Amino acid sequence: MLLPDGKLVDRSQVIASARRLAQLNQIEAVLVGDGWQIFRDGHIYLQELINS
């Protein structure tokens, strides 16, 4: 889940960035500033984020 729109400067840029990252199959960890950290299979979670 993305941050609420009120906390984002440009939602379209966030989505585009997440799409680029989701294409990198070697990503394991996703360390976020707000929410739960992911320490393995990060690319799978990024793909799920894009598909939601």
C-alpha atoms as a PDB file:
ATOM      1  CA  MET A   1       0.000   0.000   0.000  1.00  0.00           C
ATOM      2  CA  LEU A   2       1.269   3.464  -0.865  1.00  0.00           C
ATOM      3  CA  LEU A   3       1.198   6.404   1.474  1.00  0.00           C
ATOM      4  CA  PRO A   4      -1.987   8.496   1.404  1.00  0.00           C
ATOM      5  CA  ASP A   5      -2.086  11.113  -1.346  1.00  0.00           C
ATOM      6  CA  GLY A   6      -1.714  13.907   1.225  1.00  0.00           C
ATOM      7  CA  LYS A   7       1.764  12.643   2.091  1.00  0.00           C
ATOM      8  CA  LEU A   8       2.920  12.332  -1.529  1.00  0.00           C
ATOM      9  CA  VAL A   9       4.214  15.160  -3.683  1.00  0.00           C
ATOM     10  CA  ASP A  10       3.515  13.370  -6.975  1.00  0.00           C
ATOM     11  CA  ARG A  11       1.665  10.038  -6.880  1.00  0.00           C
ATOM     12  CA  SER A  12       2.400   9.285 -10.555  1.00  0.00           C
ATOM     13  CA  GLN A  13       6.158   9.548  -9.928  1.00  0.00           C
ATOM     14  CA  VAL A  14       5.879   7.190  -6.958  1.00  0.00           C
ATOM     15  CA  ILE A  15       4.027   4.606  -9.053  1.00  0.00           C
ATOM     16  CA  ALA A  16       6.516   4.940 -11.931  1.00  0.00           C
ATOM     17  CA  SER A  17       9.435   4.472  -9.541  1.00  0.00           C
ATOM     18  CA  ALA A  18       7.825   1.405  -7.947  1.00  0.00           C
ATOM     19  CA  ARG A  19       7.258  -0.076 -11.422  1.00  0.00           C
ATOM     20  CA  ARG A  20      10.935   0.360 -12.290  1.00  0.00           C
ATOM     21  CA  LEU A  21      12.016  -1.244  -9.011  1.00  0.00           C
ATOM     22  CA  ALA A  22       9.559  -4.142  -9.450  1.00  0.00           C
ATOM     23  CA  GLN A  23      11.340  -5.075 -12.683  1.00  0.00           C
ATOM     24  CA  LEU A  24      14.577  -5.742 -10.777  1.00  0.00           C
ATOM     25  CA  ASN A  25      14.312  -9.390  -9.764  1.00  0.00           C
ATOM     26  CA  GLN A  26      17.395  -9.248  -7.561  1.00  0.00           C
ATOM     27  CA  ILE A  27      15.808  -6.909  -4.965  1.00  0.00           C
ATOM     28  CA  GLU A  28      15.540  -8.735  -1.647  1.00  0.00           C
ATOM     29  CA  ALA A  29      15.086  -6.028   0.987  1.00  0.00           C
ATOM     30  CA  VAL A  30      12.718  -3.071   0.876  1.00  0.00           C
ATOM     31  CA  LEU A  31      13.382  -0.579   3.645  1.00  0.00           C
ATOM     32  CA  VAL A  32      10.601   1.978   3.919  1.00  0.00           C
ATOM     33  CA  GLY A  33      10.270   5.140   5.961  1.00  0.00           C
ATOM     34  CA  ASP A  34       6.712   4.429   7.076  1.00  0.00           C
ATOM     35  CA  GLY A  35       5.545   0.845   7.529  1.00  0.00           C
ATOM     36  CA  TRP A  36       6.959  -2.659   7.785  1.00  0.00           C
ATOM     37  CA  GLN A  37      10.382  -3.477   6.381  1.00  0.00           C
ATOM     38  CA  ILE A  38      10.745  -6.431   3.972  1.00  0.00           C
ATOM     39  CA  PHE A  39      13.926  -8.459   4.313  1.00  0.00           C
ATOM     40  CA  ARG A  40      13.490 -11.124   1.629  1.00  0.00           C
ATOM     41  CA  ASP A  41      11.710 -11.477  -1.717  1.00  0.00           C
ATOM     42  CA  GLY A  42      11.269  -7.712  -1.927  1.00  0.00           C
ATOM     43  CA  HIS A  43      10.807  -7.837  -5.701  1.00  0.00           C
ATOM     44  CA  ILE A  44       7.720 -10.024  -5.238  1.00  0.00           C
ATOM     45  CA  TYR A  45       6.156  -7.527  -2.839  1.00  0.00           C
ATOM     46  CA  LEU A  46       6.942  -4.670  -5.202  1.00  0.00           C
ATOM     47  CA  GLN A  47       5.222  -6.547  -8.040  1.00  0.00           C
ATOM     48  CA  GLU A  48       2.183  -7.098  -5.805  1.00  0.00           C
ATOM     49  CA  LEU A  49       2.131  -3.393  -4.981  1.00  0.00           C
ATOM     50  CA  ILE A  50       2.110  -2.501  -8.679  1.00  0.00           C
ATOM     51  CA  ASN A  51      -0.672  -4.998  -9.417  1.00  0.00           C
ATOM     52  CA  SER A  52      -2.903  -3.674  -6.618  1.00  0.00           C
END
